[in-house]
């Protein structure tokens, strides 16, 4: 598997092990998000702490995953965004549409808070 899947309470934490380049690693991650979202009200955190690069295909997939979750009245947050990926998020203005957090704990708390508010 190209990513790790853990549960923190009712929040799914998905951690890619390979850079998101629009290939098998990205498709597997997107498939997992769609599977969780199909059950309704998904709460998903993508932990980018184990990767160092996301290309345009990977960015597009992350935006698609976020849209899938929001369309199902769920939450989608990103945690542990490294400096290189963070710079890219700023350049393409993803930081204005996607919630990002320094730690998994902060991202999980935000996901839980949004769905209880």
N, C-alpha and C. Protein backbone atom coordinates (compact mmCIF):
# COMPACT_ATOMS: atom_id res chain seq x y z
N UNK A 1 0.84 -1.17 0.00
CA UNK A 1 0.00 0.00 0.00
C UNK A 1 0.90 1.24 0.00
N UNK A 2 0.46 2.25 -0.73
CA UNK A 2 1.27 3.46 -0.87
C UNK A 2 0.93 4.53 0.15
N UNK A 3 0.07 4.19 1.11
CA UNK A 3 -0.26 5.13 2.17
C UNK A 3 -0.65 4.35 3.43
N UNK A 4 -0.58 5.05 4.55
CA UNK A 4 -1.01 4.46 5.83
C UNK A 4 -2.39 5.02 6.15
N UNK A 5 -3.22 4.20 6.79
CA UNK A 5 -4.57 4.62 7.17
C UNK A 5 -4.76 4.34 8.66
N UNK A 6 -5.04 5.38 9.41
CA UNK A 6 -5.27 5.25 10.85
C UNK A 6 -6.55 5.99 11.21
N UNK A 7 -7.15 5.57 12.31
CA UNK A 7 -8.33 6.26 12.83
C UNK A 7 -7.95 6.97 14.12
N UNK A 8 -8.34 8.22 14.23
CA UNK A 8 -8.18 8.99 15.46
C UNK A 8 -9.60 9.43 15.81
N UNK A 9 -10.20 8.71 16.73
CA UNK A 9 -11.62 8.93 17.00
C UNK A 9 -12.40 8.51 15.76
N UNK A 10 -13.19 9.43 15.22
CA UNK A 10 -13.95 9.14 14.00
C UNK A 10 -13.34 9.80 12.77
N UNK A 11 -12.09 10.22 12.88
CA UNK A 11 -11.39 10.89 11.78
C UNK A 11 -10.41 9.91 11.13
N UNK A 12 -10.47 9.83 9.80
CA UNK A 12 -9.55 9.00 9.04
C UNK A 12 -8.29 9.81 8.75
N UNK A 13 -7.14 9.30 9.14
CA UNK A 13 -5.86 9.97 8.86
C UNK A 13 -5.14 9.13 7.82
N UNK A 14 -4.95 9.71 6.65
CA UNK A 14 -4.29 9.03 5.54
C UNK A 14 -2.92 9.67 5.32
N UNK A 15 -1.88 8.84 5.34
CA UNK A 15 -0.51 9.33 5.23
C UNK A 15 0.17 8.72 4.01
N UNK A 16 0.32 9.49 2.93
CA UNK A 16 1.03 8.96 1.77
C UNK A 16 2.49 8.66 2.11
N UNK A 17 3.01 7.56 1.54
CA UNK A 17 4.41 7.19 1.75
C UNK A 17 5.27 7.59 0.55
N UNK A 18 4.62 7.92 -0.56
CA UNK A 18 5.32 8.34 -1.78
C UNK A 18 4.82 9.70 -2.19
N UNK A 19 5.69 10.48 -2.85
CA UNK A 19 5.30 11.78 -3.38
C UNK A 19 4.07 11.63 -4.27
N UNK A 20 3.20 12.64 -4.24
CA UNK A 20 1.97 12.59 -5.03
C UNK A 20 2.24 13.15 -6.42
N UNK A 21 2.40 12.24 -7.36
CA UNK A 21 2.77 12.61 -8.73
C UNK A 21 1.71 12.25 -9.76
N UNK A 22 0.51 11.91 -9.28
CA UNK A 22 -0.58 11.60 -10.19
C UNK A 22 -0.57 10.16 -10.69
N UNK A 23 0.27 9.33 -10.09
CA UNK A 23 0.35 7.93 -10.52
C UNK A 23 -0.34 7.05 -9.49
N UNK A 24 0.12 5.81 -9.35
CA UNK A 24 -0.54 4.83 -8.48
C UNK A 24 -0.73 5.33 -7.05
N UNK A 25 0.25 6.05 -6.52
CA UNK A 25 0.15 6.53 -5.14
C UNK A 25 -0.98 7.53 -4.99
N UNK A 26 -1.17 8.37 -5.97
CA UNK A 26 -2.24 9.37 -5.93
C UNK A 26 -3.59 8.72 -6.14
N UNK A 27 -3.65 7.78 -7.09
CA UNK A 27 -4.91 7.08 -7.36
C UNK A 27 -5.37 6.26 -6.16
N UNK A 28 -4.44 5.61 -5.47
CA UNK A 28 -4.78 4.82 -4.29
C UNK A 28 -5.32 5.72 -3.18
N UNK A 29 -4.67 6.85 -2.97
CA UNK A 29 -5.11 7.79 -1.94
C UNK A 29 -6.49 8.34 -2.27
N UNK A 30 -6.67 8.73 -3.51
CA UNK A 30 -7.97 9.27 -3.93
C UNK A 30 -9.07 8.21 -3.80
N UNK A 31 -8.75 6.97 -4.16
CA UNK A 31 -9.71 5.88 -4.01
C UNK A 31 -10.13 5.68 -2.57
N UNK A 32 -9.18 5.78 -1.65
CA UNK A 32 -9.48 5.64 -0.23
C UNK A 32 -10.39 6.76 0.25
N UNK A 33 -10.14 7.98 -0.20
CA UNK A 33 -10.98 9.12 0.17
C UNK A 33 -12.40 8.91 -0.37
N UNK A 34 -12.50 8.47 -1.61
CA UNK A 34 -13.82 8.24 -2.20
C UNK A 34 -14.58 7.13 -1.47
N UNK A 35 -13.85 6.11 -1.05
CA UNK A 35 -14.47 5.01 -0.31
C UNK A 35 -15.04 5.50 1.03
N UNK A 36 -14.27 6.29 1.75
CA UNK A 36 -14.73 6.85 3.01
C UNK A 36 -15.91 7.80 2.77
N UNK A 37 -15.80 8.63 1.76
CA UNK A 37 -16.85 9.62 1.46
C UNK A 37 -18.16 8.95 1.05
N UNK A 38 -18.08 7.80 0.41
CA UNK A 38 -19.28 7.09 -0.04
C UNK A 38 -20.17 6.70 1.14
N UNK A 39 -19.58 6.57 2.31
CA UNK A 39 -20.35 6.22 3.51
C UNK A 39 -21.03 7.43 4.14
N UNK A 40 -20.73 8.62 3.63
CA UNK A 40 -21.36 9.84 4.12
C UNK A 40 -20.58 10.54 5.21
N UNK A 41 -20.69 11.87 5.23
CA UNK A 41 -20.05 12.74 6.23
C UNK A 41 -18.61 12.36 6.55
N UNK A 42 -17.74 12.32 5.56
CA UNK A 42 -16.35 11.93 5.82
C UNK A 42 -15.58 12.98 6.64
N UNK A 43 -14.73 12.50 7.50
CA UNK A 43 -13.79 13.35 8.24
C UNK A 43 -12.41 12.83 7.90
N UNK A 44 -11.69 13.57 7.08
CA UNK A 44 -10.41 13.08 6.57
C UNK A 44 -9.30 14.10 6.79
N UNK A 45 -8.17 13.58 7.27
CA UNK A 45 -6.94 14.36 7.38
C UNK A 45 -5.91 13.69 6.49
N UNK A 46 -5.29 14.45 5.60
CA UNK A 46 -4.18 13.94 4.80
C UNK A 46 -2.90 14.45 5.46
N UNK A 47 -2.10 13.51 5.92
CA UNK A 47 -0.83 13.82 6.60
C UNK A 47 0.29 13.77 5.56
N UNK A 48 0.85 14.92 5.22
CA UNK A 48 1.90 14.99 4.20
C UNK A 48 3.30 14.93 4.80
N UNK A 49 3.41 14.55 6.05
CA UNK A 49 4.69 14.57 6.75
C UNK A 49 5.74 13.60 6.26
N UNK A 50 5.36 12.59 5.49
CA UNK A 50 6.33 11.60 5.01
C UNK A 50 6.73 11.82 3.56
N UNK A 51 6.20 12.87 2.94
CA UNK A 51 6.57 13.13 1.54
C UNK A 51 7.15 14.53 1.42
N UNK A 52 7.82 14.78 0.30
CA UNK A 52 8.46 16.08 0.12
C UNK A 52 8.03 16.80 -1.15
N UNK A 53 7.20 16.16 -1.98
CA UNK A 53 6.85 16.80 -3.25
C UNK A 53 5.46 16.38 -3.70
N UNK A 54 4.75 17.35 -4.27
CA UNK A 54 3.46 17.12 -4.90
C UNK A 54 3.49 17.89 -6.22
N UNK A 55 3.26 17.20 -7.34
CA UNK A 55 3.24 17.92 -8.62
C UNK A 55 1.83 18.41 -8.92
N UNK A 56 1.62 18.98 -10.12
CA UNK A 56 0.32 19.57 -10.45
C UNK A 56 -0.79 18.52 -10.45
N UNK A 57 -0.50 17.31 -10.88
CA UNK A 57 -1.50 16.24 -10.84
C UNK A 57 -1.88 15.90 -9.40
N UNK A 58 -0.88 15.84 -8.55
CA UNK A 58 -1.13 15.58 -7.14
C UNK A 58 -1.94 16.69 -6.49
N UNK A 59 -1.62 17.94 -6.83
CA UNK A 59 -2.39 19.07 -6.31
C UNK A 59 -3.84 19.00 -6.77
N UNK A 60 -4.02 18.70 -8.05
CA UNK A 60 -5.38 18.57 -8.58
C UNK A 60 -6.15 17.47 -7.88
N UNK A 61 -5.47 16.38 -7.58
CA UNK A 61 -6.12 15.28 -6.86
C UNK A 61 -6.49 15.68 -5.44
N UNK A 62 -5.61 16.41 -4.77
CA UNK A 62 -5.94 16.88 -3.41
C UNK A 62 -7.17 17.78 -3.44
N UNK A 63 -7.24 18.67 -4.41
CA UNK A 63 -8.42 19.55 -4.53
C UNK A 63 -9.66 18.71 -4.83
N UNK A 64 -9.52 17.70 -5.69
CA UNK A 64 -10.64 16.82 -5.98
C UNK A 64 -11.11 16.06 -4.75
N UNK A 65 -10.16 15.58 -3.93
CA UNK A 65 -10.50 14.88 -2.68
C UNK A 65 -11.24 15.81 -1.73
N UNK A 66 -10.77 17.05 -1.64
CA UNK A 66 -11.42 18.02 -0.77
C UNK A 66 -12.85 18.27 -1.24
N UNK A 67 -13.03 18.41 -2.53
CA UNK A 67 -14.36 18.64 -3.10
C UNK A 67 -15.29 17.46 -2.83
N UNK A 68 -14.76 16.25 -2.99
CA UNK A 68 -15.54 15.04 -2.70
C UNK A 68 -16.05 15.07 -1.27
N UNK A 69 -15.17 15.39 -0.34
CA UNK A 69 -15.56 15.43 1.09
C UNK A 69 -16.59 16.52 1.37
N UNK A 70 -16.35 17.70 0.83
CA UNK A 70 -17.27 18.80 1.08
C UNK A 70 -18.63 18.54 0.45
N UNK A 71 -18.66 17.88 -0.71
CA UNK A 71 -19.94 17.55 -1.35
C UNK A 71 -20.74 16.54 -0.53
N UNK A 72 -20.06 15.79 0.33
CA UNK A 72 -20.71 14.82 1.22
C UNK A 72 -20.89 15.39 2.63
N UNK A 73 -20.78 16.73 2.73
CA UNK A 73 -20.93 17.43 4.01
C UNK A 73 -19.93 16.95 5.06
N UNK A 74 -18.74 16.65 4.60
CA UNK A 74 -17.68 16.21 5.48
C UNK A 74 -16.59 17.25 5.61
N UNK A 75 -15.48 16.83 6.20
CA UNK A 75 -14.33 17.73 6.36
C UNK A 75 -13.10 17.10 5.71
N UNK A 76 -12.22 17.97 5.25
CA UNK A 76 -10.97 17.56 4.62
C UNK A 76 -9.91 18.55 5.05
N UNK A 77 -8.90 18.07 5.75
CA UNK A 77 -7.81 18.94 6.17
C UNK A 77 -6.48 18.28 5.82
N UNK A 78 -5.45 19.10 5.78
CA UNK A 78 -4.11 18.62 5.47
C UNK A 78 -3.19 18.99 6.62
N UNK A 79 -2.34 18.04 7.02
CA UNK A 79 -1.44 18.27 8.15
C UNK A 79 0.01 18.03 7.75
N UNK A 80 0.89 18.60 8.53
CA UNK A 80 2.35 18.43 8.40
C UNK A 80 2.83 18.69 6.97
N UNK A 81 2.47 19.84 6.47
CA UNK A 81 2.88 20.25 5.13
C UNK A 81 4.30 20.77 5.22
N UNK A 82 5.22 20.13 4.52
CA UNK A 82 6.62 20.55 4.54
C UNK A 82 6.81 21.88 3.83
N UNK A 83 8.00 22.42 3.98
CA UNK A 83 8.32 23.73 3.41
C UNK A 83 8.15 23.76 1.89
N UNK A 84 8.65 22.75 1.21
CA UNK A 84 8.58 22.72 -0.26
C UNK A 84 7.13 22.65 -0.74
N UNK A 85 6.35 21.76 -0.14
CA UNK A 85 4.94 21.62 -0.54
C UNK A 85 4.17 22.87 -0.10
N UNK A 86 4.49 23.39 1.07
CA UNK A 86 3.83 24.60 1.56
C UNK A 86 4.06 25.78 0.62
N UNK A 87 5.26 25.91 0.10
CA UNK A 87 5.55 26.99 -0.86
C UNK A 87 4.70 26.85 -2.11
N UNK A 88 4.54 25.62 -2.56
CA UNK A 88 3.72 25.37 -3.73
C UNK A 88 2.25 25.71 -3.43
N UNK A 89 1.77 25.34 -2.24
CA UNK A 89 0.40 25.65 -1.85
C UNK A 89 0.16 27.17 -1.88
N UNK A 90 1.17 27.94 -1.45
CA UNK A 90 1.04 29.39 -1.46
C UNK A 90 1.06 29.92 -2.89
N UNK A 91 1.98 29.42 -3.71
CA UNK A 91 2.10 29.90 -5.09
C UNK A 91 0.83 29.69 -5.89
N UNK A 92 0.20 28.55 -5.71
CA UNK A 92 -1.01 28.26 -6.50
C UNK A 92 -2.29 28.61 -5.73
N UNK A 93 -2.11 29.24 -4.56
CA UNK A 93 -3.19 29.77 -3.74
C UNK A 93 -4.13 28.71 -3.17
N UNK A 94 -3.65 27.49 -3.02
CA UNK A 94 -4.45 26.44 -2.40
C UNK A 94 -4.68 26.74 -0.92
N UNK A 95 -3.78 27.49 -0.32
CA UNK A 95 -3.93 27.82 1.11
C UNK A 95 -5.21 28.61 1.38
N UNK A 96 -5.79 29.21 0.34
CA UNK A 96 -7.02 29.98 0.51
C UNK A 96 -8.26 29.10 0.49
N UNK A 97 -8.14 27.87 0.00
CA UNK A 97 -9.32 27.00 -0.08
C UNK A 97 -9.20 25.73 0.75
N UNK A 98 -7.99 25.38 1.16
CA UNK A 98 -7.76 24.12 1.87
C UNK A 98 -7.20 24.41 3.26
N UNK A 99 -7.83 23.81 4.26
CA UNK A 99 -7.35 23.98 5.64
C UNK A 99 -6.07 23.17 5.84
N UNK A 100 -5.02 23.83 6.31
CA UNK A 100 -3.75 23.15 6.57
C UNK A 100 -3.34 23.41 8.02
N UNK A 101 -2.71 22.40 8.62
CA UNK A 101 -2.31 22.47 10.02
C UNK A 101 -0.90 21.94 10.19
N UNK A 102 -0.22 22.43 11.21
CA UNK A 102 1.15 22.01 11.49
C UNK A 102 1.22 20.59 12.03
N UNK A 103 0.19 20.16 12.77
CA UNK A 103 0.21 18.84 13.38
C UNK A 103 -1.06 18.05 13.04
N UNK A 104 -0.94 16.74 13.17
CA UNK A 104 -2.10 15.88 12.95
C UNK A 104 -3.16 16.17 14.02
N UNK A 105 -2.72 16.38 15.24
CA UNK A 105 -3.65 16.65 16.34
C UNK A 105 -4.51 17.89 16.06
N UNK A 106 -3.88 18.95 15.56
CA UNK A 106 -4.63 20.17 15.23
C UNK A 106 -5.63 19.91 14.11
N UNK A 107 -5.20 19.15 13.11
CA UNK A 107 -6.08 18.85 11.98
C UNK A 107 -7.27 18.00 12.40
N UNK A 108 -7.01 17.00 13.25
CA UNK A 108 -8.09 16.14 13.75
C UNK A 108 -9.07 16.96 14.59
N UNK A 109 -8.55 17.81 15.45
CA UNK A 109 -9.42 18.65 16.29
C UNK A 109 -10.29 19.55 15.43
N UNK A 110 -9.72 20.11 14.37
CA UNK A 110 -10.49 20.98 13.47
C UNK A 110 -11.57 20.18 12.76
N UNK A 111 -11.25 18.97 12.32
CA UNK A 111 -12.24 18.12 11.63
C UNK A 111 -13.39 17.79 12.58
N UNK A 112 -13.08 17.48 13.80
CA UNK A 112 -14.12 17.13 14.77
C UNK A 112 -14.95 18.36 15.15
N UNK A 113 -14.31 19.50 15.27
CA UNK A 113 -15.01 20.72 15.66
C UNK A 113 -15.98 21.17 14.57
N UNK A 114 -15.56 21.08 13.32
CA UNK A 114 -16.41 21.51 12.21
C UNK A 114 -17.69 20.70 12.12
N UNK A 115 -17.59 19.41 12.39
CA UNK A 115 -18.77 18.57 12.24
C UNK A 115 -19.67 18.61 13.46
N UNK A 116 -19.17 19.13 14.59
CA UNK A 116 -20.02 19.24 15.78
C UNK A 116 -20.59 20.65 15.91
N UNK A 117 -20.05 21.58 15.15
CA UNK A 117 -20.52 22.96 15.24
C UNK A 117 -21.80 23.18 14.46
